[in-house]
Structure formats: C-alpha cells, structure tokens
Protein backbone atom coordinates (compact mmCIF):
# COMPACT_ATOMS: atom_id res chain seq x y z
CA MET A 1 27.31 -11.57 -12.01
CA SER A 2 24.01 -9.95 -12.16
CA SER A 3 20.99 -11.50 -13.28
CA GLU A 4 18.08 -9.84 -14.85
CA VAL A 5 14.83 -9.70 -13.42
CA TYR A 6 11.28 -10.33 -14.78
CA ILE A 7 7.30 -10.46 -13.04
CA ASN A 8 6.23 -13.42 -14.27
CA GLN A 9 2.78 -13.59 -12.62
CA VAL A 10 0.85 -10.93 -10.67
CA SER A 11 -2.00 -12.03 -7.96
CA ALA A 12 -4.72 -9.64 -6.25
CA PHE A 13 -7.08 -11.00 -3.62
CA LEU A 14 -9.88 -8.50 -2.40
CA PRO A 15 -12.05 -9.52 0.69
CA ASN A 16 -15.65 -9.97 0.45
CA GLU A 17 -18.05 -7.90 -1.76
CA SER A 18 -17.62 -4.34 -2.65
CA VAL A 19 -18.38 -1.62 -0.34
CA SER A 20 -20.18 1.67 -1.39
CA ASN A 21 -19.65 5.00 0.20
CA ASP A 22 -23.22 4.96 1.31
CA GLN A 23 -22.45 1.30 2.95
CA MET A 24 -19.29 1.89 4.59
CA GLU A 25 -19.79 3.88 7.65
CA HIS A 26 -22.43 0.84 8.51
CA VAL A 27 -19.72 -1.68 8.55
CA LEU A 28 -17.04 0.41 9.59
CA GLY A 29 -19.80 1.46 12.56
CA MET A 30 -20.39 4.85 14.12
CA VAL A 31 -17.96 6.35 16.72
CA GLY A 32 -20.05 7.61 19.86
CA ASP A 33 -23.51 6.25 17.82
CA LEU A 34 -22.83 9.46 15.61
CA PRO A 35 -22.55 9.70 12.17
CA SER A 36 -19.34 11.05 10.79
CA ARG A 37 -19.23 14.73 10.68
CA VAL A 38 -16.23 14.71 7.53
CA ARG A 39 -17.18 11.55 6.07
CA LYS A 40 -18.89 12.89 2.83
CA MET A 41 -16.37 15.85 2.72
CA ILE A 42 -13.59 13.51 2.88
CA LEU A 43 -15.58 11.06 0.12
CA ARG A 44 -15.86 14.03 -2.42
CA SER A 45 -12.33 14.84 -2.21
CA ASN A 46 -10.80 11.45 -2.45
CA ASP A 47 -13.04 10.23 -5.35
CA ILE A 48 -12.96 6.59 -3.81
CA HIS A 49 -16.43 5.18 -4.78
CA HIS A 50 -15.96 1.44 -3.68
CA ARG A 51 -13.55 -0.60 -1.72
CA TYR A 52 -13.08 -3.59 0.31
CA TYR A 53 -13.10 -4.60 3.95
CA ALA A 54 -12.51 -8.30 5.77
CA ILE A 55 -15.43 -7.32 7.92
CA ASP A 56 -19.16 -9.29 7.25
CA PRO A 57 -21.16 -6.62 6.58
CA VAL A 58 -23.89 -8.05 8.45
CA THR A 59 -22.42 -9.53 11.48
CA ARG A 60 -19.49 -6.94 11.33
CA GLU A 61 -17.23 -9.84 12.46
CA THR A 62 -13.54 -10.01 11.11
CA THR A 63 -13.26 -12.37 8.22
CA HIS A 64 -9.46 -12.53 7.43
CA THR A 65 -6.51 -11.45 9.26
CA ASN A 66 -3.74 -9.20 7.83
CA THR A 67 -1.59 -12.54 7.32
CA GLU A 68 -4.66 -14.65 6.00
CA LEU A 69 -5.32 -11.56 3.10
CA GLY A 70 -1.23 -11.81 2.06
CA ALA A 71 -1.44 -15.83 2.25
CA LYS A 72 -4.75 -15.39 -0.14
CA ALA A 73 -2.66 -13.51 -2.64
CA VAL A 74 0.29 -15.56 -2.50
CA GLU A 75 -1.96 -18.92 -3.17
CA LEU A 76 -3.33 -17.30 -5.95
CA LEU A 77 0.26 -17.48 -7.86
CA PHE A 78 0.69 -20.75 -6.97
CA GLN A 79 -3.27 -21.25 -8.69
CA GLN A 80 -1.74 -19.76 -11.48
CA GLY A 81 0.67 -22.26 -11.99
CA VAL A 82 4.00 -21.13 -9.86
CA SER A 83 5.77 -23.71 -8.33
CA PRO A 84 5.87 -23.58 -4.56
CA THR A 85 9.24 -25.83 -4.93
CA ASP A 86 10.65 -23.38 -7.13
CA VAL A 87 10.45 -20.68 -4.93
CA THR A 88 13.24 -19.97 -2.55
CA PHE A 89 12.65 -16.44 -1.26
CA LEU A 90 9.76 -14.78 0.62
CA ALA A 91 9.62 -10.92 0.93
CA ALA A 92 6.32 -9.79 2.49
CA GLY A 93 5.27 -5.87 3.46
CA THR A 94 2.45 -4.67 5.17
CA SER A 95 1.63 -1.10 7.07
CA ILE A 96 0.08 -2.84 10.31
CA PRO A 97 0.90 -6.83 10.57
CA ASP A 98 -1.23 -8.55 12.94
CA GLN A 99 1.58 -8.91 15.77
CA ILE A 100 4.22 -7.22 17.09
CA LEU A 101 6.59 -9.97 16.24
CA PRO A 102 7.32 -12.44 14.92
CA GLY A 103 7.98 -11.02 11.33
CA HIS A 104 4.97 -10.73 9.04
CA ALA A 105 6.64 -12.93 6.31
CA SER A 106 7.26 -15.28 8.88
CA MET A 107 3.69 -15.54 9.37
CA ILE A 108 2.53 -15.90 5.84
CA HIS A 109 4.66 -18.40 4.98
CA GLY A 110 3.49 -20.36 8.51
CA GLU A 111 0.01 -19.83 7.19
CA LEU A 112 0.78 -21.32 3.64
CA SER A 113 0.23 -24.98 2.64
CA ASN A 114 2.36 -27.57 1.25
CA VAL A 115 5.64 -25.07 0.76
CA PRO A 116 9.37 -25.82 1.52
CA PRO A 117 11.33 -23.33 4.15
CA TYR A 118 12.11 -20.40 2.30
CA GLU A 119 14.65 -17.56 3.29
CA ILE A 120 11.98 -14.76 4.14
CA VAL A 121 12.22 -10.80 4.82
CA SER A 122 9.65 -8.77 6.49
CA THR A 123 9.53 -4.89 5.80
CA ALA A 124 7.82 -2.62 7.91
CA GLY A 125 6.67 1.12 7.05
CA VAL A 126 3.41 2.50 5.06
CA CYS A 127 2.76 2.51 1.63
CA LEU A 128 6.49 1.80 0.89
CA ALA A 129 6.61 -1.61 2.70
CA GLY A 130 5.37 -2.99 -0.25
CA MET A 131 8.00 -2.01 -2.63
CA MET A 132 10.61 -2.31 -0.01
CA ALA A 133 9.54 -5.96 -0.13
CA MET A 134 9.53 -6.17 -4.13
CA LYS A 135 13.10 -4.68 -4.19
CA SER A 136 14.41 -7.26 -1.68
CA ALA A 137 12.61 -9.78 -4.00
CA TYR A 138 14.45 -8.08 -7.10
CA ASN A 139 17.90 -7.95 -5.39
CA SER A 140 17.58 -11.59 -4.57
CA ILE A 141 17.52 -12.48 -8.15
CA LYS A 142 19.97 -9.54 -9.64
CA THR A 143 22.68 -10.52 -7.12
CA GLY A 144 22.15 -14.24 -8.84
CA GLU A 145 21.37 -15.56 -4.82
CA HIS A 146 18.04 -17.14 -6.06
CA ASN A 147 16.24 -17.80 -8.96
CA HIS A 148 12.91 -17.60 -7.86
CA ALA A 149 11.05 -15.43 -5.52
CA ILE A 150 7.80 -14.06 -4.46
CA SER A 151 6.85 -10.59 -2.78
CA VAL A 152 3.38 -10.14 -1.16
CA ALA A 153 2.30 -7.10 0.26
CA SER A 154 -1.26 -6.83 2.20
CA GLU A 155 -3.38 -4.46 4.29
CA ASN A 156 -6.30 -4.61 6.99
CA PRO A 157 -6.36 -1.17 8.10
CA SER A 158 -10.32 -1.75 8.91
CA ALA A 159 -9.37 -3.83 12.10
CA CYS A 160 -8.20 -0.65 13.44
CA MET A 161 -11.05 1.63 11.91
CA ARG A 162 -14.10 -0.27 13.47
CA SER A 163 -16.02 2.07 15.67
CA GLU A 164 -15.73 -0.43 18.80
CA ASN A 165 -11.96 0.84 18.98
CA PHE A 166 -12.76 4.44 19.83
CA SER A 167 -15.04 3.70 22.83
CA ASN A 168 -12.93 3.89 25.45
CA GLU A 169 -11.69 7.59 24.01
CA ILE A 170 -15.29 8.75 23.51
CA ASN A 171 -16.60 7.50 27.00
CA HIS A 172 -13.80 9.49 28.34
CA LYS A 173 -14.59 12.52 26.67
CA LYS A 174 -18.45 12.08 27.43
CA LEU A 175 -17.31 11.77 31.64
CA GLU A 176 -15.34 15.60 30.51
CA ASN A 177 -18.68 17.00 29.22
CA ALA A 178 -16.72 17.32 25.96
CA THR A 179 -17.65 16.71 22.10
CA PRO A 180 -17.81 12.71 21.89
CA VAL A 181 -16.14 12.69 18.79
CA ILE A 182 -12.55 11.75 17.46
CA GLY A 183 -10.41 14.26 16.28
CA PHE A 184 -10.00 14.77 12.26
CA GLU A 185 -6.10 13.28 12.31
CA LYS A 186 -8.33 9.67 13.07
CA ASP A 187 -11.62 10.39 11.37
CA PHE A 188 -9.75 11.32 8.16
CA LEU A 189 -8.52 8.14 7.50
CA ARG A 190 -11.20 5.96 8.31
CA TRP A 191 -12.48 7.31 4.93
CA MET A 192 -9.36 6.77 3.06
CA LEU A 193 -8.20 3.16 3.54
CA SER A 194 -9.56 -0.05 2.78
CA ASP A 195 -8.26 -4.06 2.50
CA GLY A 196 -6.98 -6.09 0.19
CA SER A 197 -3.23 -7.71 -0.61
CA GLY A 198 -1.21 -8.61 -3.65
CA ALA A 199 1.78 -11.01 -4.85
CA VAL A 200 4.33 -10.82 -7.69
CA TYR A 201 6.71 -14.01 -8.71
CA LEU A 202 9.73 -12.87 -9.80
CA SER A 203 12.34 -14.86 -11.83
CA ASN A 204 15.45 -14.83 -14.03
CA LYS A 205 13.82 -15.33 -16.92
CA PRO A 206 10.75 -14.31 -19.25
CA ASN A 207 8.14 -16.51 -19.51
CA SER A 208 8.32 -19.13 -21.90
CA LYS A 209 4.97 -18.35 -23.53
CA GLY A 210 3.00 -14.93 -23.16
CA ILE A 211 3.62 -11.75 -21.52
CA SER A 212 6.28 -10.59 -18.72
CA LEU A 213 7.62 -7.52 -17.53
CA LYS A 214 11.35 -7.06 -17.37
CA MET A 215 12.08 -4.75 -14.18
CA ASN A 216 14.67 -2.10 -15.04
CA TRP A 217 15.01 -0.63 -11.70
CA ILE A 218 13.54 0.20 -8.60
CA ASP A 219 14.47 3.68 -6.61
CA LEU A 220 13.74 4.21 -3.50
CA LEU A 221 14.31 7.68 -0.92
CA SER A 222 13.39 8.44 2.13
CA PHE A 223 13.38 12.10 3.45
CA ALA A 224 12.97 11.02 7.03
CA ASN A 225 16.14 13.28 7.61
CA GLU A 226 14.82 16.30 6.75
CA MET A 227 10.68 15.85 8.01
CA PRO A 228 8.56 15.08 10.74
CA VAL A 229 6.34 12.13 11.18
CA CYS A 230 3.27 12.92 9.48
CA MET A 231 1.03 9.33 9.17
CA TYR A 232 1.40 7.21 12.17
CA MET A 233 0.07 4.31 14.61
CA GLY A 234 1.39 3.86 18.06
CA GLY A 235 1.77 7.06 19.55
CA GLU A 236 0.95 10.68 19.30
CA VAL A 237 2.82 13.58 18.18
CA LYS A 238 3.05 16.12 21.57
CA ASP A 239 5.00 19.52 21.13
CA GLY A 240 6.69 18.32 18.01
CA LYS A 241 7.69 15.19 19.47
CA PHE A 242 7.08 11.67 18.54
CA VAL A 243 5.45 9.90 21.64
CA SER A 244 5.62 6.06 21.66
CA TRP A 245 2.82 3.94 23.12
CA ARG A 246 5.73 1.91 24.87
CA TYR A 247 6.27 4.90 27.05
CA VAL A 248 2.81 5.75 28.60
CA ASP A 249 0.37 4.02 30.62
CA ALA A 250 -2.38 1.99 29.82
CA ASP A 251 -4.92 4.18 30.92
CA TYR A 252 -3.82 7.40 28.90
CA ARG A 253 -3.06 4.79 25.89
CA GLU A 254 -6.46 3.76 25.60
CA LYS A 255 -8.12 7.47 26.34
CA HIS A 256 -6.46 9.09 23.57
CA SER A 257 -6.41 5.84 20.86
CA PHE A 258 -2.96 5.44 20.47
CA MET A 259 -3.31 2.32 18.29
CA SER A 260 -5.78 4.31 15.94
CA ILE A 261 -4.09 5.22 12.45
CA LYS A 262 -3.60 8.66 12.30
CA GLN A 263 -2.52 11.61 9.61
CA ASP A 264 -1.34 15.27 9.64
CA VAL A 265 -3.28 16.32 6.92
CA HIS A 266 -1.68 20.00 6.42
CA LEU A 267 1.82 18.36 6.23
CA LEU A 268 0.78 15.92 3.92
CA ASN A 269 -1.04 18.24 1.34
CA ASP A 270 1.66 20.92 1.91
CA LYS A 271 4.93 18.36 1.29
CA ILE A 272 3.68 14.95 -0.42
CA GLY A 273 4.01 16.69 -3.94
CA VAL A 274 7.15 18.48 -3.09
CA TYR A 275 9.29 15.63 -2.09
CA ALA A 276 7.92 13.27 -4.71
CA LEU A 277 9.53 15.93 -7.07
CA LYS A 278 12.70 16.00 -5.23
CA THR A 279 12.58 12.31 -5.96
CA LEU A 280 11.91 12.53 -9.11
CA GLU A 281 14.53 15.06 -10.30
CA LYS A 282 16.98 12.73 -8.48
CA VAL A 283 15.22 9.40 -10.81
CA ILE A 284 15.17 11.63 -14.25
CA ALA A 285 19.32 12.23 -13.78
CA LYS A 286 20.14 9.19 -12.82
CA HIS A 287 18.13 7.25 -15.53
CA ASN A 288 18.05 10.01 -17.87
CA LEU A 289 14.28 9.31 -17.98
CA LYS A 290 12.30 11.14 -20.75
CA ALA A 291 8.25 11.38 -20.90
CA ASP A 292 8.37 10.14 -24.40
CA ASP A 293 9.66 6.99 -23.38
CA ILE A 294 6.94 5.83 -21.23
CA ASP A 295 4.00 4.26 -22.47
CA TYR A 296 2.11 3.43 -18.99
CA PHE A 297 2.07 5.59 -16.19
CA LEU A 298 0.99 3.53 -12.93
CA PRO A 299 0.77 5.99 -9.95
CA HIS A 300 -0.73 5.21 -6.65
CA TYR A 301 -1.97 7.96 -4.89
CA SER A 302 -3.97 8.14 -1.84
CA SER A 303 -6.50 10.37 -2.42
CA GLY A 304 -8.23 11.59 -6.48
CA PHE A 305 -7.45 15.57 -4.73
CA PHE A 306 -3.60 14.75 -5.60
CA ARG A 307 -4.06 13.74 -8.84
CA ASP A 308 -4.31 16.88 -10.65
CA LYS A 309 -1.19 18.40 -8.38
CA LEU A 310 0.63 15.12 -9.46
CA LEU A 311 0.06 16.10 -13.09
CA LYS A 312 0.94 19.58 -12.96
CA GLY A 313 4.05 18.31 -11.11
CA LEU A 314 5.18 16.06 -13.69
CA GLU A 315 4.47 18.91 -16.27
CA ASP A 316 6.65 21.49 -14.26
CA ILE A 317 9.62 19.39 -13.53
CA GLY A 318 9.76 18.44 -17.68
CA LEU A 319 8.15 14.70 -17.46
CA PRO A 320 5.03 15.38 -19.05
CA ILE A 321 3.11 12.17 -19.16
CA PRO A 322 -0.50 13.04 -20.51
CA GLU A 323 -3.58 11.65 -18.61
CA GLU A 324 -4.46 8.69 -21.40
CA LYS A 325 -1.12 6.83 -20.51
CA TRP A 326 -2.24 6.59 -16.90
CA PHE A 327 -3.95 3.78 -15.15
CA THR A 328 -5.27 3.58 -11.64
CA ASN A 329 -8.41 1.57 -9.72
CA LEU A 330 -8.45 3.70 -6.75
CA HIS A 331 -12.23 5.00 -7.58
CA GLU A 332 -13.07 1.31 -7.49
CA LYS A 333 -10.14 -0.82 -5.20
CA GLY A 334 -9.82 1.50 -2.85
CA ASN A 335 -6.31 2.96 -1.18
CA THR A 336 -5.03 -0.48 0.01
CA GLY A 337 -1.60 1.08 1.43
CA ALA A 338 1.11 -1.00 0.78
CA ALA A 339 -0.90 -3.54 -1.71
CA SER A 340 -2.13 -0.54 -3.91
CA ILE A 341 0.77 -1.00 -6.89
CA TYR A 342 0.50 -4.74 -6.66
CA ILE A 343 -3.54 -4.64 -7.01
CA ILE A 344 -3.35 -1.88 -9.81
CA LEU A 345 -0.48 -3.80 -11.32
CA GLU A 346 -3.03 -6.78 -11.79
CA GLU A 347 -5.75 -5.51 -13.23
CA PHE A 348 -3.53 -3.36 -15.66
CA MET A 349 -2.21 -6.43 -17.06
CA HIS A 350 -5.32 -8.28 -17.72
CA LYS A 351 -7.02 -4.77 -19.24
CA TYR A 352 -4.32 -3.81 -21.43
CA ASP A 353 -3.00 -5.63 -24.87
CA LEU A 354 0.62 -4.95 -23.97
CA LYS A 355 3.15 -4.88 -26.62
CA ALA A 356 7.05 -6.07 -26.27
CA GLY A 357 9.12 -3.02 -25.65
CA GLN A 358 6.37 -0.78 -24.03
CA LYS A 359 7.63 0.93 -20.88
CA ILE A 360 5.65 1.75 -17.53
CA LEU A 361 6.86 3.70 -14.90
CA CYS A 362 5.08 3.29 -11.40
CA TYR A 363 4.81 5.72 -8.98
CA ILE A 364 4.64 5.06 -4.82
CA PRO A 365 4.59 7.71 -2.13
CA GLU A 366 4.77 7.18 1.45
CA SER A 367 3.80 10.07 3.88
CA GLY A 368 4.79 8.13 7.22
CA ARG A 369 8.26 10.25 7.23
CA PHE A 370 7.84 11.29 3.26
CA SER A 371 9.57 8.74 1.22
CA TYR A 372 9.03 7.46 -2.15
CA CYS A 373 9.34 4.96 -4.96
CA PHE A 374 9.64 4.83 -8.77
CA MET A 375 9.71 1.53 -11.12
CA LEU A 376 10.36 1.12 -14.35
CA LEU A 377 8.89 -1.87 -16.11
CA GLU A 378 9.73 -3.13 -19.77
CA VAL A 379 6.94 -5.72 -21.66
CA VAL A 380 8.29 -8.87 -22.95
CA ASP A 381 6.29 -10.74 -25.38
CA ALA A 382 7.75 -14.50 -26.06
CA GLY A 383 4.64 -14.87 -28.34
C-alpha cells in the first residue's frame, strides 16, 4: 500500500560571505596571471550578481569540502527539530564528490554527529543528481519501506575552478609559444557555477502545525539515447567521442586539464530548450497538467539567458505560466547545480504566504547529456 509523501522541512547552507561579480576573479584567481577575456560577457548574459564560494577570500584556502557542505544542510534540519533517530533513509546527490569512492552519501553520513545507522543512496550526475536523490527518498516513503527520510544535495565546484588547477595547461602552452589562456568551454563555467547545499526532510505525514508540501509526483527523463555529452569533467570530447581520464597518461591529462569542468556551449544553447519541451509534453499528457492549476513556478535555469526562451517555450507548448508566478534566486544565490532547487525552495517557503491547496511546479534541467525533472508540490496547512 503506497503512502503519501510530504516535505516537512527544508534547509539551505551557503558558505562564507556573498561574492560580487567584481570580487569573484580575485577569489578564484586569474589563470596565467591574466584577467579572463570572457568573464564580463558571460556575467552580462547569465544575470548572476552574487554567489558563494567555499574559499576564504583573503587566504584563498578552502573553508568547506563538498562533504562538509552537505552535512551542514542536514545538521540545519536537525536544528529545526528533525529527530536524527526518526530518520532511517539518507540520499545524497552531487555533481563532483570529494572522492571517487566511497559514495557521497556515505561520506555525509560519516560527517554527522550522534546519528544512527541509515540506509543510504548516492546519486551522480549534474543538476539532476539532487532530484535523483530526492526521488529516491520519495520512493522510500511512497512504498512504505521508510517513514522518515532526508535528501541532500551539495556542490563545491569552486575547488575545480581555482586558477591553480590550470597551471600545468598554461605552462605547457607557454612552452609551445601558444596563447596562455584556457579554452572557452572551461572558462565559461568558472563564471557560471558556485557553492552551496540544501536538504529536505520527508515523511509520510504532514506537519501537525503549519505548512507542509505534499509531493504529488516527480518525473525524471533522460535523452542520453539521442544526445551526446554536453557538460563533463574527467575527460575530453575528441572527434565526437568522449575520452575518459582513465585511458590517457598522467602527463596528457594534466596538460589538457582533464579534471576541469567543461561545457559545449553551442550544443547547450541549441538543445537544452528543445528537450525541455519534449519532456514537458510527456508530463502534460501524463498528469493532465494545466497552467491555471499552477500557483507558483520554481525553475532552476543556469543562466538568465534562458529565462525568455523558457517563457516562450511554455507558451508555445500550451502551458503559459505568467512571470508573476515565477520564483528564482539565481541573481543573488548563484547557480549551485544539484543544490539549486533545494536553495530555491528554502527561500521560497520563507518568503511567500502559502495557502492550502496551492500547487507549485518545479523544473530542473541538466545539460550533462540532457536530462530533465518536473515536480509538482501541493501546500498543506495544518493551521
């Protein structure tokens, strides 16, 4: 017998102080001691004004690992009154864990104090890793196997975007008398991504007081069967084929910054919206979704560049959700990848006077190899 599933608490953790557009290159460092040629252009396009980094802006030392960021979000749930001993299931998602193994959930579980053994699940991917974790927690309660679960997503891409990580590539280019700058596909993401974490506590009962969010459904869909790799780390795309770091020698790997994050921006711009609408077509048909039924729309888009395209796409497909129903905090919280929708949801629940029966549609795209998630939440108010 299936159970209803509710989000009872949401938390978000952002490390250190907010970093402005003018400060970010100082914090991340200049590659080859030269300012980026594309930073200002990218920032104008993405419409991000502030973000957070797990880097001390003075010493430039790391202040939090990815594991610590995730644990901080879970600990905030405990501070809100969630009982660690009630929880029996922990799912954790991230794009770039601190280690290849063991799993991210295992490391977060180990970082927490005074908690019992949990069943754990680690999910991998890019922006959808957080929603894969949330659906794992949702399913654990929906099936009746667990009554209390936590889903957490955390990101620390700044550790990979520091200028020091590109020194071998830059030195190699200098030796070859090549221009000592990194490729656009690498520099692009240095000005797009930032750090943070979020967590949700799910159970089979709404809160006895105040607001809960009933999880009506979560749908995830991958188009990797049709699309090539678009956003990646730990490899390179050569002659249309993805080459893993495991199959090249260490010298080649260092000279080509295999462990940096990369994005095929042209493929992203051409296809991210197309496949979002293909996913939404299926969601509309499956759930008989109508724009008039949606009170709020919480989209995670990586850049303000995509906002108008998303608005027009919704109109074209017959789901015209007016912008006054939209909420995002991209401008001030940045693009935190898999953690973004958690951080959006946490601020949204504090800012809005939600009423019983209102419905909230969440949208999360992933450009790794083009995957998408839509989730419908419904406000429950115990008074």
